[in-house]
Amino acid sequence: MSVIDKIRNGGGTLFTFELLPPLKGHSIERVYSTIDRLIEFDPAYINFTSHRNETIYHERPDGLIEKKVVRKRPGTISLAAAVKYKYNIPVVPHVLCGGFTKEETENVLIDMNFLGINDVLALRGDPPKGFRTFIPEKNGHTHTYELVKQIVNMNNGRYLERVTLRNILKHLIFRLIWKT
């Protein structure tokens, strides 16, 4: 049952909670321990937040600016899938505009479909740490409605790069030229 069905048919207040993926280097056992303490309250579903990686920018000796990831969290989707199948409970991973390109978003949505995760919370996300305004990734979404449109398009079988006979032939010709 989808989360929206649970909300519509809930007949009252539903208990749910939200988890933040742990920082890299931490075990999933910490997440399971948290859920084990809350599972007795029969949550209708569990939300999984998502955060863009924290990055810093520094100037290299050649004058170029280099972006370096300084804080990373394990994948929200993989964590949501592990919990979904361990506890047999619906999960709602958050998918953000901030910090992700359209292609990365498409890959996340493909993974979700493969893993049987059909609920999602689409959000713009916060500005990068140290910034006051939201800055989209290059080739990323600026607004949540754009992300929702991409999700709806994928639900209707429309991907970023349409697979056409022309694209397939172009790819095959490139491979033939490359090998000769």
N, C-alpha and C. Protein backbone atom coordinates (compact mmCIF):
# COMPACT_ATOMS: atom_id res chain seq x y z
N MET A 1 0.85 -1.17 0.00
CA MET A 1 0.00 0.00 0.00
C MET A 1 0.90 1.24 0.00
N SER A 2 0.53 2.21 -0.83
CA SER A 2 1.32 3.43 -0.91
C SER A 2 1.07 4.29 0.33
N VAL A 3 1.97 5.19 0.57
CA VAL A 3 1.84 6.08 1.71
C VAL A 3 0.60 6.95 1.57
N ILE A 4 0.32 7.42 0.38
CA ILE A 4 -0.86 8.26 0.19
C ILE A 4 -2.13 7.48 0.52
N ASP A 5 -2.17 6.18 0.18
CA ASP A 5 -3.31 5.33 0.55
C ASP A 5 -3.42 5.18 2.06
N LYS A 6 -2.28 5.01 2.72
CA LYS A 6 -2.28 4.90 4.18
C LYS A 6 -2.83 6.17 4.82
N ILE A 7 -2.45 7.32 4.28
CA ILE A 7 -2.94 8.59 4.81
C ILE A 7 -4.44 8.73 4.57
N ARG A 8 -4.88 8.41 3.36
CA ARG A 8 -6.30 8.53 3.02
C ARG A 8 -7.17 7.57 3.84
N ASN A 9 -6.68 6.36 4.06
CA ASN A 9 -7.47 5.33 4.73
C ASN A 9 -7.13 5.16 6.20
N GLY A 10 -6.29 6.03 6.73
CA GLY A 10 -5.81 5.89 8.10
C GLY A 10 -6.87 6.06 9.16
N GLY A 11 -7.89 6.81 8.88
CA GLY A 11 -8.95 6.99 9.86
C GLY A 11 -8.53 7.78 11.08
N GLY A 12 -7.52 8.58 10.96
CA GLY A 12 -7.07 9.39 12.10
C GLY A 12 -5.59 9.67 12.02
N THR A 13 -5.03 9.98 13.15
CA THR A 13 -3.62 10.31 13.23
C THR A 13 -2.76 9.06 13.02
N LEU A 14 -1.74 9.21 12.20
CA LEU A 14 -0.80 8.12 11.96
C LEU A 14 0.53 8.47 12.62
N PHE A 15 1.18 7.48 13.19
CA PHE A 15 2.51 7.67 13.74
C PHE A 15 3.52 7.36 12.65
N THR A 16 4.48 8.24 12.48
CA THR A 16 5.59 8.03 11.56
C THR A 16 6.80 8.77 12.12
N PHE A 17 7.95 8.49 11.60
CA PHE A 17 9.14 9.22 12.02
C PHE A 17 10.11 9.34 10.87
N GLU A 18 11.10 10.20 11.07
CA GLU A 18 12.06 10.52 10.04
C GLU A 18 13.45 10.23 10.56
N LEU A 19 14.25 9.60 9.71
CA LEU A 19 15.63 9.28 10.08
C LEU A 19 16.60 9.98 9.14
N LEU A 20 17.71 10.36 9.69
CA LEU A 20 18.79 10.97 8.94
C LEU A 20 19.85 9.89 8.69
N PRO A 21 20.25 9.69 7.44
CA PRO A 21 21.31 8.71 7.19
C PRO A 21 22.55 9.06 8.01
N PRO A 22 23.23 8.05 8.55
CA PRO A 22 24.41 8.32 9.37
C PRO A 22 25.57 8.83 8.52
N LEU A 23 26.51 9.47 9.17
CA LEU A 23 27.70 9.90 8.46
C LEU A 23 28.51 8.68 8.03
N LYS A 24 29.33 8.87 7.00
CA LYS A 24 30.15 7.75 6.52
C LYS A 24 30.99 7.22 7.68
N GLY A 25 31.21 5.93 7.66
CA GLY A 25 31.99 5.30 8.71
C GLY A 25 31.13 4.72 9.83
N HIS A 26 29.84 5.08 9.86
CA HIS A 26 28.94 4.54 10.88
C HIS A 26 28.18 3.35 10.29
N SER A 27 27.82 2.44 11.14
CA SER A 27 27.16 1.21 10.73
C SER A 27 25.65 1.40 10.62
N ILE A 28 25.04 0.60 9.78
CA ILE A 28 23.59 0.59 9.66
C ILE A 28 22.95 0.06 10.95
N GLU A 29 23.73 -0.62 11.76
CA GLU A 29 23.21 -1.15 13.02
C GLU A 29 22.69 -0.03 13.93
N ARG A 30 23.29 1.14 13.85
CA ARG A 30 22.80 2.29 14.64
C ARG A 30 21.39 2.68 14.19
N VAL A 31 21.15 2.63 12.90
CA VAL A 31 19.82 2.94 12.37
C VAL A 31 18.83 1.87 12.83
N TYR A 32 19.23 0.60 12.70
CA TYR A 32 18.35 -0.49 13.13
C TYR A 32 18.03 -0.38 14.63
N SER A 33 19.00 0.00 15.42
CA SER A 33 18.79 0.16 16.86
C SER A 33 17.74 1.23 17.15
N THR A 34 17.81 2.32 16.41
CA THR A 34 16.81 3.40 16.57
C THR A 34 15.43 2.91 16.18
N ILE A 35 15.35 2.22 15.05
CA ILE A 35 14.05 1.71 14.59
C ILE A 35 13.50 0.69 15.57
N ASP A 36 14.35 -0.18 16.09
CA ASP A 36 13.90 -1.21 17.04
C ASP A 36 13.21 -0.59 18.26
N ARG A 37 13.68 0.58 18.68
CA ARG A 37 13.06 1.25 19.83
C ARG A 37 11.72 1.89 19.49
N LEU A 38 11.49 2.18 18.20
CA LEU A 38 10.26 2.87 17.79
C LEU A 38 9.23 1.96 17.10
N ILE A 39 9.64 0.78 16.71
CA ILE A 39 8.78 -0.10 15.92
C ILE A 39 7.53 -0.54 16.69
N GLU A 40 7.61 -0.58 18.02
CA GLU A 40 6.46 -0.99 18.83
C GLU A 40 5.29 -0.01 18.68
N PHE A 41 5.54 1.21 18.21
CA PHE A 41 4.48 2.19 18.01
C PHE A 41 3.79 2.03 16.65
N ASP A 42 4.17 0.98 15.91
CA ASP A 42 3.56 0.62 14.62
C ASP A 42 3.52 1.81 13.66
N PRO A 43 4.68 2.30 13.26
CA PRO A 43 4.70 3.44 12.34
C PRO A 43 4.06 3.09 11.00
N ALA A 44 3.32 4.04 10.44
CA ALA A 44 2.68 3.84 9.14
C ALA A 44 3.74 3.79 8.03
N TYR A 45 4.80 4.56 8.19
CA TYR A 45 5.92 4.58 7.24
C TYR A 45 7.07 5.32 7.91
N ILE A 46 8.24 5.24 7.27
CA ILE A 46 9.42 5.93 7.78
C ILE A 46 9.98 6.83 6.68
N ASN A 47 10.20 8.08 7.02
CA ASN A 47 10.84 9.04 6.11
C ASN A 47 12.35 8.95 6.27
N PHE A 48 13.06 9.14 5.16
CA PHE A 48 14.53 9.19 5.19
C PHE A 48 14.97 10.49 4.55
N THR A 49 15.57 11.35 5.35
CA THR A 49 16.03 12.63 4.83
C THR A 49 17.22 12.41 3.90
N SER A 50 17.52 13.44 3.21
CA SER A 50 18.66 13.43 2.30
C SER A 50 19.33 14.78 2.41
N HIS A 51 20.62 14.80 2.33
CA HIS A 51 21.36 16.05 2.37
C HIS A 51 22.37 16.05 1.24
N ARG A 52 22.57 17.22 0.69
CA ARG A 52 23.65 17.32 -0.28
C ARG A 52 24.97 17.11 0.46
N ASN A 53 25.96 16.64 -0.26
CA ASN A 53 27.29 16.52 0.34
C ASN A 53 27.78 17.91 0.72
N GLU A 54 28.49 18.01 1.83
CA GLU A 54 29.10 19.29 2.20
C GLU A 54 30.42 19.40 1.46
N THR A 55 30.58 20.53 0.82
CA THR A 55 31.78 20.74 0.02
C THR A 55 32.46 22.04 0.41
N ILE A 56 33.72 22.10 0.10
CA ILE A 56 34.46 23.35 0.24
C ILE A 56 35.10 23.64 -1.11
N TYR A 57 35.37 24.88 -1.34
CA TYR A 57 36.03 25.30 -2.58
C TYR A 57 37.33 25.99 -2.19
N HIS A 58 38.39 25.62 -2.86
CA HIS A 58 39.65 26.32 -2.59
C HIS A 58 40.39 26.55 -3.90
N GLU A 59 41.16 27.61 -3.88
CA GLU A 59 41.89 27.99 -5.08
C GLU A 59 43.18 27.19 -5.17
N ARG A 60 43.39 26.60 -6.34
CA ARG A 60 44.60 25.84 -6.58
C ARG A 60 45.74 26.78 -6.98
N PRO A 61 46.98 26.31 -6.94
CA PRO A 61 48.11 27.17 -7.33
C PRO A 61 47.99 27.70 -8.77
N ASP A 62 47.30 26.95 -9.64
CA ASP A 62 47.16 27.42 -11.03
C ASP A 62 46.02 28.42 -11.20
N GLY A 63 45.34 28.79 -10.08
CA GLY A 63 44.28 29.78 -10.13
C GLY A 63 42.88 29.22 -10.30
N LEU A 64 42.78 27.94 -10.63
CA LEU A 64 41.48 27.33 -10.77
C LEU A 64 40.87 27.03 -9.40
N ILE A 65 39.56 26.95 -9.36
CA ILE A 65 38.84 26.63 -8.13
C ILE A 65 38.53 25.14 -8.12
N GLU A 66 38.85 24.49 -7.01
CA GLU A 66 38.60 23.06 -6.88
C GLU A 66 37.53 22.81 -5.83
N LYS A 67 36.60 21.92 -6.16
CA LYS A 67 35.52 21.54 -5.25
C LYS A 67 35.92 20.23 -4.58
N LYS A 68 35.81 20.20 -3.24
CA LYS A 68 36.20 19.00 -2.51
C LYS A 68 35.08 18.64 -1.53
N VAL A 69 34.66 17.37 -1.56
CA VAL A 69 33.64 16.88 -0.63
C VAL A 69 34.30 16.65 0.72
N VAL A 70 33.74 17.26 1.78
CA VAL A 70 34.32 17.11 3.11
C VAL A 70 33.41 16.33 4.06
N ARG A 71 32.15 16.17 3.69
CA ARG A 71 31.23 15.42 4.55
C ARG A 71 30.21 14.74 3.67
N LYS A 72 30.12 13.43 3.79
CA LYS A 72 29.24 12.65 2.94
C LYS A 72 28.45 11.67 3.79
N ARG A 73 27.20 11.48 3.40
CA ARG A 73 26.34 10.51 4.07
C ARG A 73 26.09 9.35 3.13
N PRO A 74 25.92 8.13 3.68
CA PRO A 74 25.57 7.00 2.83
C PRO A 74 24.27 7.28 2.09
N GLY A 75 24.04 6.57 1.02
CA GLY A 75 22.88 6.80 0.18
C GLY A 75 21.54 6.62 0.88
N THR A 76 20.70 7.62 0.75
CA THR A 76 19.36 7.59 1.32
C THR A 76 18.56 6.42 0.75
N ILE A 77 18.71 6.18 -0.54
CA ILE A 77 17.92 5.14 -1.20
C ILE A 77 18.33 3.75 -0.71
N SER A 78 19.61 3.51 -0.59
CA SER A 78 20.05 2.18 -0.13
C SER A 78 19.63 1.95 1.31
N LEU A 79 19.70 2.98 2.14
CA LEU A 79 19.26 2.86 3.53
C LEU A 79 17.76 2.60 3.60
N ALA A 80 16.99 3.34 2.81
CA ALA A 80 15.53 3.16 2.79
C ALA A 80 15.18 1.73 2.34
N ALA A 81 15.87 1.22 1.33
CA ALA A 81 15.60 -0.14 0.85
C ALA A 81 15.93 -1.17 1.91
N ALA A 82 17.06 -1.00 2.60
CA ALA A 82 17.43 -1.96 3.64
C ALA A 82 16.37 -2.01 4.73
N VAL A 83 15.87 -0.85 5.14
CA VAL A 83 14.84 -0.78 6.19
C VAL A 83 13.52 -1.33 5.68
N LYS A 84 13.16 -1.00 4.45
CA LYS A 84 11.90 -1.49 3.87
C LYS A 84 11.85 -3.02 3.92
N TYR A 85 12.92 -3.66 3.53
CA TYR A 85 12.90 -5.12 3.46
C TYR A 85 13.19 -5.79 4.80
N LYS A 86 13.90 -5.15 5.68
CA LYS A 86 14.14 -5.75 7.00
C LYS A 86 12.87 -5.69 7.86
N TYR A 87 12.16 -4.56 7.79
CA TYR A 87 11.02 -4.35 8.68
C TYR A 87 9.66 -4.49 7.97
N ASN A 88 9.68 -4.68 6.67
CA ASN A 88 8.45 -4.79 5.88
C ASN A 88 7.54 -3.58 6.14
N ILE A 89 8.10 -2.41 5.98
CA ILE A 89 7.39 -1.16 6.24
C ILE A 89 7.61 -0.21 5.06
N PRO A 90 6.60 0.57 4.68
CA PRO A 90 6.81 1.55 3.61
C PRO A 90 7.83 2.60 4.03
N VAL A 91 8.60 3.05 3.05
CA VAL A 91 9.61 4.06 3.29
C VAL A 91 9.41 5.21 2.30
N VAL A 92 9.79 6.39 2.74
CA VAL A 92 9.66 7.58 1.89
C VAL A 92 11.01 8.30 1.89
N PRO A 93 11.85 8.00 0.91
CA PRO A 93 13.11 8.73 0.82
C PRO A 93 12.87 10.13 0.25
N HIS A 94 13.67 11.07 0.71
CA HIS A 94 13.61 12.43 0.20
C HIS A 94 14.57 12.52 -0.98
N VAL A 95 14.11 13.13 -2.05
CA VAL A 95 14.95 13.38 -3.22
C VAL A 95 15.02 14.89 -3.39
N LEU A 96 16.23 15.40 -3.51
CA LEU A 96 16.47 16.84 -3.52
C LEU A 96 16.86 17.37 -4.89
N CYS A 97 16.56 18.64 -5.08
CA CYS A 97 17.12 19.37 -6.23
C CYS A 97 18.59 19.68 -5.93
N GLY A 98 18.84 20.21 -4.73
CA GLY A 98 20.16 20.71 -4.35
C GLY A 98 21.22 19.64 -4.28
N GLY A 99 22.30 19.86 -5.00
CA GLY A 99 23.44 18.97 -4.93
C GLY A 99 23.42 17.85 -5.96
N PHE A 100 22.41 17.83 -6.81
CA PHE A 100 22.27 16.72 -7.76
C PHE A 100 21.95 17.25 -9.16
N THR A 101 22.54 16.62 -10.15
CA THR A 101 22.20 16.94 -11.53
C THR A 101 20.94 16.17 -11.91
N LYS A 102 20.35 16.52 -13.03
CA LYS A 102 19.17 15.80 -13.52
C LYS A 102 19.51 14.34 -13.80
N GLU A 103 20.71 14.09 -14.30
CA GLU A 103 21.12 12.72 -14.59
C GLU A 103 21.27 11.91 -13.30
N GLU A 104 21.86 12.52 -12.26
CA GLU A 104 21.98 11.83 -10.98
C GLU A 104 20.60 11.54 -10.39
N THR A 105 19.69 12.49 -10.55
CA THR A 105 18.32 12.28 -10.07
C THR A 105 17.67 11.14 -10.83
N GLU A 106 17.85 11.11 -12.13
CA GLU A 106 17.28 10.01 -12.92
C GLU A 106 17.82 8.67 -12.45
N ASN A 107 19.11 8.59 -12.17
CA ASN A 107 19.70 7.35 -11.68
C ASN A 107 19.11 6.93 -10.34
N VAL A 108 18.88 7.90 -9.45
CA VAL A 108 18.26 7.61 -8.15
C VAL A 108 16.85 7.06 -8.35
N LEU A 109 16.09 7.68 -9.24
CA LEU A 109 14.71 7.25 -9.49
C LEU A 109 14.67 5.86 -10.13
N ILE A 110 15.63 5.57 -10.99
CA ILE A 110 15.73 4.22 -11.58
C ILE A 110 16.03 3.21 -10.49
N ASP A 111 16.96 3.54 -9.57
CA ASP A 111 17.28 2.64 -8.45
C ASP A 111 16.05 2.42 -7.58
N MET A 112 15.31 3.49 -7.30
CA MET A 112 14.11 3.36 -6.46
C MET A 112 13.11 2.41 -7.11
N ASN A 113 12.90 2.56 -8.39
CA ASN A 113 11.97 1.69 -9.10
C ASN A 113 12.43 0.23 -9.01
N PHE A 114 13.71 0.01 -9.24
CA PHE A 114 14.26 -1.34 -9.18
C PHE A 114 14.08 -1.96 -7.79
N LEU A 115 14.22 -1.14 -6.77
CA LEU A 115 14.13 -1.62 -5.38
C LEU A 115 12.69 -1.68 -4.86
N GLY A 116 11.73 -1.29 -5.68
CA GLY A 116 10.33 -1.35 -5.26
C GLY A 116 9.93 -0.23 -4.31
N ILE A 117 10.65 0.88 -4.36
CA ILE A 117 10.32 2.05 -3.54
C ILE A 117 9.52 2.99 -4.42
N ASN A 118 8.24 3.12 -4.11
CA ASN A 118 7.34 3.88 -4.98
C ASN A 118 6.90 5.21 -4.39
N ASP A 119 7.26 5.49 -3.17
CA ASP A 119 6.90 6.76 -2.54
C ASP A 119 8.15 7.62 -2.46
N VAL A 120 7.97 8.93 -2.63
CA VAL A 120 9.09 9.85 -2.60
C VAL A 120 8.60 11.20 -2.11
N LEU A 121 9.46 11.92 -1.43
CA LEU A 121 9.18 13.30 -1.05
C LEU A 121 10.18 14.17 -1.81
N ALA A 122 9.68 14.97 -2.75
CA ALA A 122 10.53 15.83 -3.57
C ALA A 122 10.68 17.18 -2.88
N LEU A 123 11.92 17.61 -2.73
CA LEU A 123 12.24 18.86 -2.04
C LEU A 123 13.31 19.63 -2.80
N ARG A 124 13.29 20.93 -2.65
CA ARG A 124 14.37 21.72 -3.23
C ARG A 124 15.66 21.50 -2.46
N GLY A 125 15.56 21.47 -1.15
CA GLY A 125 16.75 21.32 -0.31
C GLY A 125 17.27 22.67 0.15
N ASP A 126 18.21 22.62 1.06
CA ASP A 126 18.78 23.83 1.65
C ASP A 126 19.90 24.37 0.78
N PRO A 127 20.25 25.63 1.00
CA PRO A 127 21.44 26.16 0.32
C PRO A 127 22.68 25.41 0.81
N PRO A 128 23.74 25.42 0.01
CA PRO A 128 24.98 24.81 0.49
C PRO A 128 25.43 25.47 1.78
N LYS A 129 26.13 24.71 2.61
CA LYS A 129 26.63 25.25 3.87
C LYS A 129 27.48 26.50 3.60
N GLY A 130 27.18 27.55 4.35
CA GLY A 130 27.91 28.79 4.20
C GLY A 130 27.30 29.75 3.20
N PHE A 131 26.20 29.34 2.55
CA PHE A 131 25.53 30.21 1.58
C PHE A 131 24.15 30.56 2.10
N ARG A 132 23.67 31.74 1.73
CA ARG A 132 22.34 32.18 2.15
C ARG A 132 21.28 31.85 1.12
N THR A 133 21.66 31.70 -0.12
CA THR A 133 20.69 31.44 -1.17
C THR A 133 20.96 30.07 -1.79
N PHE A 134 19.90 29.50 -2.33
CA PHE A 134 19.98 28.19 -2.97
C PHE A 134 20.74 28.32 -4.28
N ILE A 135 21.67 27.42 -4.50
CA ILE A 135 22.44 27.39 -5.73
C ILE A 135 22.27 26.00 -6.33
N PRO A 136 21.60 25.88 -7.48
CA PRO A 136 21.43 24.56 -8.08
C PRO A 136 22.75 24.05 -8.68
N GLU A 137 22.86 22.75 -8.77
CA GLU A 137 24.00 22.16 -9.47
C GLU A 137 23.91 22.53 -10.94
N LYS A 138 25.03 22.53 -11.61
CA LYS A 138 25.02 22.71 -13.06
C LYS A 138 24.22 21.54 -13.64
N ASN A 139 23.27 21.82 -14.50
CA ASN A 139 22.37 20.83 -15.09
C ASN A 139 21.52 20.15 -14.01
N GLY A 140 21.17 20.92 -12.99
CA GLY A 140 20.28 20.42 -11.93
C GLY A 140 19.00 21.22 -11.93
N HIS A 141 18.12 20.88 -11.03
CA HIS A 141 16.84 21.57 -10.91
C HIS A 141 16.98 22.77 -9.98
N THR A 142 16.34 23.86 -10.35
CA THR A 142 16.33 25.07 -9.54
C THR A 142 15.15 25.06 -8.58
N HIS A 143 14.03 24.48 -9.02
CA HIS A 143 12.80 24.49 -8.24
C HIS A 143 12.22 23.08 -8.10
N THR A 144 11.49 22.86 -7.04
CA THR A 144 10.91 21.54 -6.77
C THR A 144 9.96 21.11 -7.88
N TYR A 145 9.20 22.05 -8.44
CA TYR A 145 8.25 21.65 -9.48
C TYR A 145 8.96 21.01 -10.68
N GLU A 146 10.22 21.42 -10.95
CA GLU A 146 10.99 20.81 -12.03
C GLU A 146 11.34 19.36 -11.68
N LEU A 147 11.70 19.13 -10.44
CA LEU A 147 11.99 17.77 -9.97
C LEU A 147 10.74 16.90 -10.05
N VAL A 148 9.60 17.44 -9.61
CA VAL A 148 8.34 16.69 -9.67
C VAL A 148 8.01 16.36 -11.12
N LYS A 149 8.24 17.30 -12.02
CA LYS A 149 7.99 17.05 -13.44
C LYS A 149 8.86 15.90 -13.95
N GLN A 150 10.12 15.86 -13.53
CA GLN A 150 11.00 14.76 -13.94
C GLN A 150 10.49 13.43 -13.40
N ILE A 151 10.02 13.42 -12.16
CA ILE A 151 9.47 12.20 -11.57
C ILE A 151 8.23 11.74 -12.35
N VAL A 152 7.33 12.67 -12.64
CA VAL A 152 6.12 12.34 -13.40
C VAL A 152 6.50 11.82 -14.79
N ASN A 153 7.45 12.47 -15.44
CA ASN A 153 7.89 12.02 -16.76
C ASN A 153 8.42 10.59 -16.71
N MET A 154 9.22 10.28 -15.69
CA MET A 154 9.75 8.92 -15.58
C MET A 154 8.63 7.92 -15.29
N ASN A 155 7.66 8.32 -14.48
CA ASN A 155 6.51 7.44 -14.24
C ASN A 155 5.76 7.13 -15.53
N ASN A 156 5.86 8.04 -16.50
CA ASN A 156 5.22 7.85 -17.79
C ASN A 156 6.18 7.33 -18.85
N GLY A 157 7.35 6.86 -18.42
CA GLY A 157 8.31 6.25 -19.33
C GLY A 157 9.14 7.23 -20.13
N ARG A 158 9.17 8.49 -19.73
CA ARG A 158 9.96 9.49 -20.45
C ARG A 158 11.22 9.81 -19.64
N TYR A 159 12.35 9.44 -20.21
CA TYR A 159 13.64 9.66 -19.56
C TYR A 159 14.30 10.90 -20.15
N LEU A 160 15.40 11.34 -19.55
CA LEU A 160 16.08 12.53 -20.02
C LEU A 160 16.52 12.38 -21.47
N GLU A 161 17.18 11.28 -21.78
CA GLU A 161 17.59 11.04 -23.16
C GLU A 161 16.71 9.93 -23.71
N ARG A 162 15.86 10.33 -24.62
CA ARG A 162 14.96 9.33 -25.20
C ARG A 162 15.77 8.33 -26.02
N VAL A 163 15.46 7.08 -25.85
CA VAL A 163 16.11 6.04 -26.64
C VAL A 163 15.36 5.96 -27.96
N THR A 164 16.03 6.39 -29.01
CA THR A 164 15.44 6.34 -30.35
C THR A 164 16.37 5.53 -31.25
N LEU A 165 15.84 5.11 -32.35
CA LEU A 165 16.66 4.37 -33.31
C LEU A 165 17.83 5.24 -33.76
N ARG A 166 17.60 6.53 -33.91
CA ARG A 166 18.67 7.44 -34.32
C ARG A 166 19.79 7.47 -33.27
N ASN A 167 19.45 7.55 -31.98
CA ASN A 167 20.46 7.56 -30.92
C ASN A 167 21.22 6.25 -30.88
N ILE A 168 20.51 5.14 -31.06
CA ILE A 168 21.16 3.82 -31.05
C ILE A 168 22.14 3.73 -32.21
N LEU A 169 21.72 4.13 -33.41
CA LEU A 169 22.60 4.07 -34.58
C LEU A 169 23.81 4.98 -34.40
N LYS A 170 23.58 6.18 -33.85
CA LYS A 170 24.69 7.11 -33.61
C LYS A 170 25.71 6.47 -32.66
N HIS A 171 25.22 5.81 -31.60
CA HIS A 171 26.09 5.15 -30.64
C HIS A 171 26.85 4.00 -31.29
N LEU A 172 26.16 3.19 -32.11
CA LEU A 172 26.82 2.06 -32.78
C LEU A 172 27.87 2.53 -33.77
N ILE A 173 27.57 3.59 -34.51
CA ILE A 173 28.54 4.12 -35.47
C ILE A 173 29.77 4.62 -34.73
N PHE A 174 29.58 5.32 -33.60
CA PHE A 174 30.70 5.79 -32.81
C PHE A 174 31.56 4.62 -32.35
N ARG A 175 30.92 3.53 -31.89
CA ARG A 175 31.68 2.36 -31.41
C ARG A 175 32.44 1.71 -32.56
N LEU A 176 31.82 1.65 -33.75
CA LEU A 176 32.51 1.05 -34.90
C LEU A 176 33.71 1.88 -35.29
N ILE A 177 33.56 3.20 -35.30
CA ILE A 177 34.67 4.09 -35.66
C ILE A 177 35.77 3.98 -34.62
N TRP A 178 35.40 3.92 -33.36
CA TRP A 178 36.37 3.86 -32.27
C TRP A 178 37.20 2.59 -32.34
N LYS A 179 36.58 1.47 -32.73
CA LYS A 179 37.29 0.19 -32.77
C LYS A 179 38.18 0.07 -33.99
N THR A 180 37.92 0.80 -35.06
CA THR A 180 38.73 0.66 -36.29
C THR A 180 39.94 1.54 -36.27
